[in-house]
Every structure is written in C-alpha cells, then in structure tokens.
Amino acid sequence: MGLLRSHDAGHERHDPEHLESLLGEYHDVHKGFHPESRAWKLLHALAFVLGGTTFISGTVALFFPGYDTLSALLYTIGSCGFLSVDVQEFLTFEGAVLRANIAMSLVGSSLYVVGSVGFFPSVFAWSPLIGIWGFILGSAVIGISQAIKTYRIGATNTDGAFSLRHLITDTDARTSAGVETGACLGAWCFFFGTCLFNRGPLEGPDSVMQTVLWTWVAGSCFFTLGSAFLCYRHFVMRVV
C-alpha cells in the first residue's frame, strides 16, 4: 500500500541512483495510464480510501447485533481495495527491492481478503480459523512490509542511513511516510486486536469484545489516515 516516490517541492528529482534506491523504474505502461497520469492517481487513491473507510464502517457494524454479514461484506470490499492498490503498484513499477516490498503488501492484502470472507457467518460457523488467521497473518505481513517502506523513505538521500530528522523535516519524506506509517499502524492494530479476539472470551463479564472492536476501529482510522496522506500527495502536491 502506498508508494515510495520522492520529490522536491514543485519539481521531480532525476538522480538515477535516487530513483532506483527509492522507487525503481517505471514499468512499460500505456501512455494513458502512466503513474504521473490523473487516471492512475485517481484509481490509486480511490482504492486506498475505499479500503480504509469500509474497514471503519465494517468495524462499527459489529457494535450492533445482527450485522455480521454486512460487516464481513464491507471488510471484503475494503480488502479488495487494498489489494487493488498493491496490484496496481506491482504492475507499474520494477526494481527488485521495491517489487519484493510491494509483493509483501500484496500477499498481506490477499490474506485480508481471505480473512474477510472467513468472517461471513456461514464460513465462520464452518471454521473460525479462516477469518482469524487470515487477519492475523495478513496484518503481520502488511505491518512488516509497511515498516520496511517507512525505513527506506527515512534512509533515502541520507547516504543510506535512516534519519528520523529527515522524515520530520522533509515535506516529501514526511507525507510519503504518512502513507506507509498509517498502513503500518493500522495493520498492527488489527494484528493485536485479532489475537485478542482469538484468545477471548467474547461473551460474559470478562468479554474482550469491546476492546477488540475499539482496537479495530483505531486500525481502520490509521488505514484511512494513510489514504488521506496519499490523496494529499496525489492531488495537492501532485506527486506519485
């Protein structure tokens, strides 16, 4: 989820070593669907926003009895949104390190799709492990992948050494890290929330369900925050 493209304010850096270390090269794509095109950015942003907002609504639905099917449907739609972002990036960019990093996120998003389907009542009744482990494993993979992306952003244009100061003071690095860190924190919230859901109990005076749901709400909000940073980059800063 998200990209690692870096720009100076108002103009693109063209240093080949910088682009290779940070983003890789553009893949051969149709002229009308180049990463710098409005169509590419629009699809990229909408898919990410769809993922974050449907995760929020899907979690909120679980606060109300009888909305399990709607929640699972919203989670499935959101997971497909996240997966769309990763597939779009994987098909657009090359460069071994970057593509491996994107592939990790793609695997995590695919596990989210499996996990979301696993929370449909009929599937959950057959085997709750599908939904639970889909989210636990997917969250772990996404969380690690996004942490690596954030590290790479902080290590770009700093002689390869991670610099927190660079992430804070450089506008491009700060907004790019906002995309990746938002998704990273969102994934870890779902990881710990789902682990707690798996341990239980889910009913009675010692139920952990409220804690689980609020942890998932926090994770969904972090995902949505990441998508907001992406929209800002695409449509305000006008960068990838």
Protein backbone atom coordinates (compact mmCIF):
# COMPACT_ATOMS: atom_id res chain seq x y z
CA MET A 1 0.00 0.00 0.00
CA GLY A 2 1.30 3.39 -0.89
CA LEU A 3 4.39 4.38 -2.82
CA LEU A 4 7.94 5.45 -2.06
CA ARG A 5 8.27 8.19 -4.69
CA SER A 6 10.21 11.23 -3.52
CA HIS A 7 10.17 14.74 -4.97
CA ASP A 8 11.48 18.16 -4.14
CA ALA A 9 8.79 20.76 -3.62
CA GLY A 10 7.47 21.67 -7.06
CA HIS A 11 9.83 19.55 -9.19
CA GLU A 12 10.96 15.97 -9.62
CA ARG A 13 14.39 14.70 -8.73
CA HIS A 14 16.00 12.92 -11.65
CA ASP A 15 19.02 11.34 -9.98
CA PRO A 16 19.01 7.74 -11.32
CA GLU A 17 20.56 6.30 -8.17
CA HIS A 18 17.94 8.03 -6.05
CA LEU A 19 15.05 6.73 -8.13
CA GLU A 20 16.41 3.19 -8.22
CA SER A 21 17.02 3.03 -4.47
CA LEU A 22 13.67 4.59 -3.62
CA LEU A 23 11.19 3.55 -6.25
CA GLY A 24 12.75 1.54 -9.05
CA GLU A 25 11.92 2.33 -12.65
CA TYR A 26 8.55 2.80 -14.31
CA HIS A 27 7.34 -0.38 -15.90
CA ASP A 28 6.23 -0.30 -19.54
CA VAL A 29 2.68 1.01 -19.30
CA HIS A 30 0.13 2.54 -21.65
CA LYS A 31 0.61 6.26 -22.14
CA GLY A 32 -2.84 6.99 -20.75
CA PHE A 33 -2.16 5.03 -17.57
CA HIS A 34 1.27 6.27 -16.60
CA PRO A 35 1.88 6.78 -12.84
CA GLU A 36 2.02 10.53 -13.46
CA SER A 37 -1.39 10.48 -15.15
CA ARG A 38 -4.56 11.65 -13.43
CA ALA A 39 -6.31 8.33 -14.12
CA TRP A 40 -3.55 6.32 -12.42
CA LYS A 41 -3.52 8.58 -9.37
CA LEU A 42 -7.32 8.64 -9.15
CA LEU A 43 -7.66 4.85 -9.17
CA HIS A 44 -4.75 4.51 -6.76
CA ALA A 45 -6.23 6.98 -4.26
CA LEU A 46 -9.84 5.78 -4.54
CA ALA A 47 -8.88 2.16 -3.90
CA PHE A 48 -6.92 3.11 -0.77
CA VAL A 49 -9.71 5.39 0.53
CA LEU A 50 -12.25 2.62 -0.16
CA GLY A 51 -10.18 0.20 1.90
CA GLY A 52 -9.86 2.48 4.92
CA THR A 53 -13.44 3.76 5.04
CA THR A 54 -15.08 0.37 4.54
CA PHE A 55 -12.92 -1.04 7.33
CA ILE A 56 -14.22 1.72 9.62
CA SER A 57 -17.85 1.06 8.69
CA GLY A 58 -17.34 -2.71 8.81
CA THR A 59 -15.99 -2.48 12.35
CA VAL A 60 -18.72 -0.09 13.50
CA ALA A 61 -21.32 -2.55 12.18
CA LEU A 62 -20.03 -5.14 14.66
CA PHE A 63 -21.10 -2.95 17.57
CA PHE A 64 -24.70 -3.76 16.61
CA PRO A 65 -26.14 -7.30 16.84
CA GLY A 66 -27.24 -8.92 13.60
CA TYR A 67 -24.91 -7.02 11.28
CA ASP A 68 -22.20 -9.68 10.98
CA THR A 69 -22.89 -10.33 7.29
CA LEU A 70 -22.80 -6.63 6.43
CA SER A 71 -19.55 -6.25 8.36
CA ALA A 72 -17.90 -9.15 6.53
CA LEU A 73 -19.08 -7.73 3.19
CA LEU A 74 -17.63 -4.31 3.99
CA TYR A 75 -14.34 -5.87 5.12
CA THR A 76 -14.20 -7.90 1.89
CA ILE A 77 -14.78 -4.78 -0.23
CA GLY A 78 -12.12 -2.90 1.74
CA SER A 79 -9.61 -5.73 1.47
CA CYS A 80 -10.16 -5.82 -2.30
CA GLY A 81 -9.48 -2.08 -2.31
CA PHE A 82 -6.16 -2.59 -0.53
CA LEU A 83 -5.33 -5.46 -2.87
CA SER A 84 -6.10 -3.27 -5.89
CA VAL A 85 -3.57 -0.69 -4.67
CA ASP A 86 -0.85 -3.33 -4.35
CA VAL A 87 -1.61 -4.97 -7.70
CA GLN A 88 -1.59 -1.58 -9.43
CA GLU A 89 1.81 -0.74 -7.96
CA PHE A 90 3.26 -4.19 -8.67
CA LEU A 91 2.24 -3.99 -12.33
CA THR A 92 3.53 -0.45 -12.69
CA PHE A 93 6.97 -0.40 -11.09
CA GLU A 94 10.08 -2.51 -11.31
CA GLY A 95 13.32 -2.73 -9.37
CA ALA A 96 13.96 -5.90 -7.37
CA VAL A 97 13.94 -4.42 -3.85
CA LEU A 98 10.84 -2.32 -4.36
CA ARG A 99 8.88 -5.07 -6.11
CA ALA A 100 9.72 -7.52 -3.31
CA ASN A 101 8.46 -4.94 -0.82
CA ILE A 102 5.26 -4.37 -2.79
CA ALA A 103 4.81 -8.14 -3.16
CA MET A 104 4.82 -8.48 0.63
CA SER A 105 1.97 -5.98 0.89
CA LEU A 106 0.16 -7.79 -1.93
CA VAL A 107 0.38 -11.09 -0.05
CA GLY A 108 -0.88 -9.40 3.12
CA SER A 109 -3.83 -7.82 1.31
CA SER A 110 -4.68 -11.19 -0.26
CA LEU A 111 -4.74 -12.72 3.23
CA TYR A 112 -7.07 -9.90 4.29
CA VAL A 113 -9.46 -10.90 1.50
CA VAL A 114 -9.37 -14.50 2.75
CA GLY A 115 -9.81 -13.34 6.35
CA SER A 116 -12.73 -11.08 5.44
CA VAL A 117 -14.55 -13.90 3.66
CA GLY A 118 -13.83 -16.05 6.70
CA PHE A 119 -15.91 -13.72 8.86
CA PHE A 120 -19.11 -14.30 6.89
CA PRO A 121 -21.35 -16.11 9.41
CA SER A 122 -21.69 -19.28 7.32
CA VAL A 123 -17.93 -19.56 6.79
CA PHE A 124 -17.13 -18.61 10.39
CA ALA A 125 -19.52 -21.32 11.66
CA TRP A 126 -17.72 -23.88 9.48
CA SER A 127 -14.24 -22.79 10.64
CA PRO A 128 -13.46 -19.58 12.57
CA LEU A 129 -9.75 -20.11 11.88
CA ILE A 130 -10.09 -18.85 8.29
CA GLY A 131 -11.14 -15.37 9.33
CA ILE A 132 -8.96 -15.17 12.41
CA TRP A 133 -5.71 -16.36 10.84
CA GLY A 134 -6.37 -14.52 7.60
CA PHE A 135 -6.30 -11.28 9.55
CA ILE A 136 -3.50 -12.24 11.93
CA LEU A 137 -1.13 -13.37 9.19
CA GLY A 138 -2.21 -10.65 6.77
CA SER A 139 -1.69 -7.95 9.40
CA ALA A 140 1.77 -9.27 10.31
CA VAL A 141 2.89 -9.32 6.67
CA ILE A 142 1.46 -5.85 5.93
CA GLY A 143 2.86 -4.42 9.17
CA ILE A 144 6.38 -5.65 8.38
CA SER A 145 6.14 -4.58 4.74
CA GLN A 146 4.99 -1.05 5.61
CA ALA A 147 7.68 -0.72 8.29
CA ILE A 148 10.32 -1.58 5.67
CA LYS A 149 8.87 1.04 3.31
CA THR A 150 8.96 3.65 6.06
CA TYR A 151 12.58 2.77 6.82
CA ARG A 152 13.51 3.10 3.16
CA ILE A 153 11.92 6.54 2.98
CA GLY A 154 13.93 7.64 6.02
CA ALA A 155 17.13 6.26 4.52
CA THR A 156 16.74 7.92 1.12
CA ASN A 157 19.02 10.89 0.35
CA THR A 158 20.74 10.37 3.70
CA ASP A 159 23.63 8.19 2.50
CA GLY A 160 21.62 5.06 3.23
CA ALA A 161 21.35 5.67 6.97
CA PHE A 162 17.88 6.01 8.49
CA SER A 163 17.20 9.56 9.64
CA LEU A 164 14.16 10.42 11.75
CA ARG A 165 15.04 14.08 11.29
CA HIS A 166 14.77 13.63 7.51
CA LEU A 167 11.30 12.10 7.90
CA ILE A 168 10.15 15.02 10.05
CA THR A 169 11.73 17.98 8.26
CA ASP A 170 11.44 16.97 4.59
CA THR A 171 7.90 17.58 3.30
CA ASP A 172 8.05 14.87 0.67
CA ALA A 173 9.50 12.29 3.07
CA ARG A 174 7.04 13.26 5.79
CA THR A 175 3.94 12.86 3.63
CA SER A 176 5.25 9.69 1.98
CA ALA A 177 6.00 8.23 5.42
CA GLY A 178 2.49 9.25 6.48
CA VAL A 179 1.07 6.94 3.82
CA GLU A 180 3.20 3.98 4.84
CA THR A 181 3.13 4.53 8.60
CA GLY A 182 -0.66 4.89 8.59
CA ALA A 183 -0.99 1.49 6.93
CA CYS A 184 1.69 0.05 9.23
CA LEU A 185 -0.09 1.14 12.42
CA GLY A 186 -3.43 0.05 11.01
CA ALA A 187 -2.09 -3.44 10.32
CA TRP A 188 -0.58 -3.83 13.80
CA CYS A 189 -3.84 -2.71 15.42
CA PHE A 190 -5.65 -5.46 13.53
CA PHE A 191 -2.90 -7.93 14.41
CA PHE A 192 -3.16 -7.37 18.17
CA GLY A 193 -6.94 -6.93 18.07
CA THR A 194 -7.44 -10.20 16.22
CA CYS A 195 -5.01 -12.02 18.52
CA LEU A 196 -7.09 -10.81 21.45
CA PHE A 197 -10.28 -11.87 19.63
CA ASN A 198 -8.77 -15.33 19.20
CA ARG A 199 -7.98 -15.63 22.92
CA GLY A 200 -11.40 -14.48 24.11
CA PRO A 201 -13.70 -14.70 25.92
CA LEU A 202 -16.10 -12.88 23.61
CA GLU A 203 -19.11 -13.00 25.94
CA GLY A 204 -19.81 -12.60 29.64
CA PRO A 205 -18.45 -10.19 32.24
CA ASP A 206 -14.83 -10.81 31.17
CA SER A 207 -15.52 -10.34 27.46
CA VAL A 208 -12.72 -8.72 25.46
CA MET A 209 -15.01 -7.89 22.54
CA GLN A 210 -15.30 -4.16 23.24
CA THR A 211 -11.51 -3.84 23.47
CA VAL A 212 -11.15 -5.81 20.24
CA LEU A 213 -13.64 -3.62 18.39
CA TRP A 214 -12.09 -0.34 19.52
CA THR A 215 -8.64 -1.65 18.55
CA TRP A 216 -10.03 -2.47 15.11
CA VAL A 217 -11.62 1.00 14.90
CA ALA A 218 -8.22 2.54 15.67
CA GLY A 219 -6.59 0.37 13.00
CA SER A 220 -9.24 1.32 10.44
CA CYS A 221 -8.69 5.01 11.22
CA PHE A 222 -4.94 4.61 10.73
CA PHE A 223 -5.54 2.95 7.35
CA THR A 224 -7.82 5.86 6.40
CA LEU A 225 -5.24 8.39 7.61
CA GLY A 226 -2.69 6.74 5.31
CA SER A 227 -5.10 7.11 2.41
CA ALA A 228 -5.60 10.81 3.30
CA PHE A 229 -1.84 11.37 3.07
CA LEU A 230 -1.87 9.62 -0.31
CA CYS A 231 -4.68 11.85 -1.59
CA TYR A 232 -2.76 14.91 -0.40
CA ARG A 233 0.34 13.77 -2.28
CA HIS A 234 -1.54 12.95 -5.48
CA PHE A 235 -3.89 15.92 -5.71
CA VAL A 236 -2.27 18.72 -3.69
CA MET A 237 1.45 18.07 -4.04
CA ARG A 238 0.80 16.47 -7.46
CA VAL A 239 3.36 13.72 -6.94
CA VAL A 240 3.18 9.95 -7.05
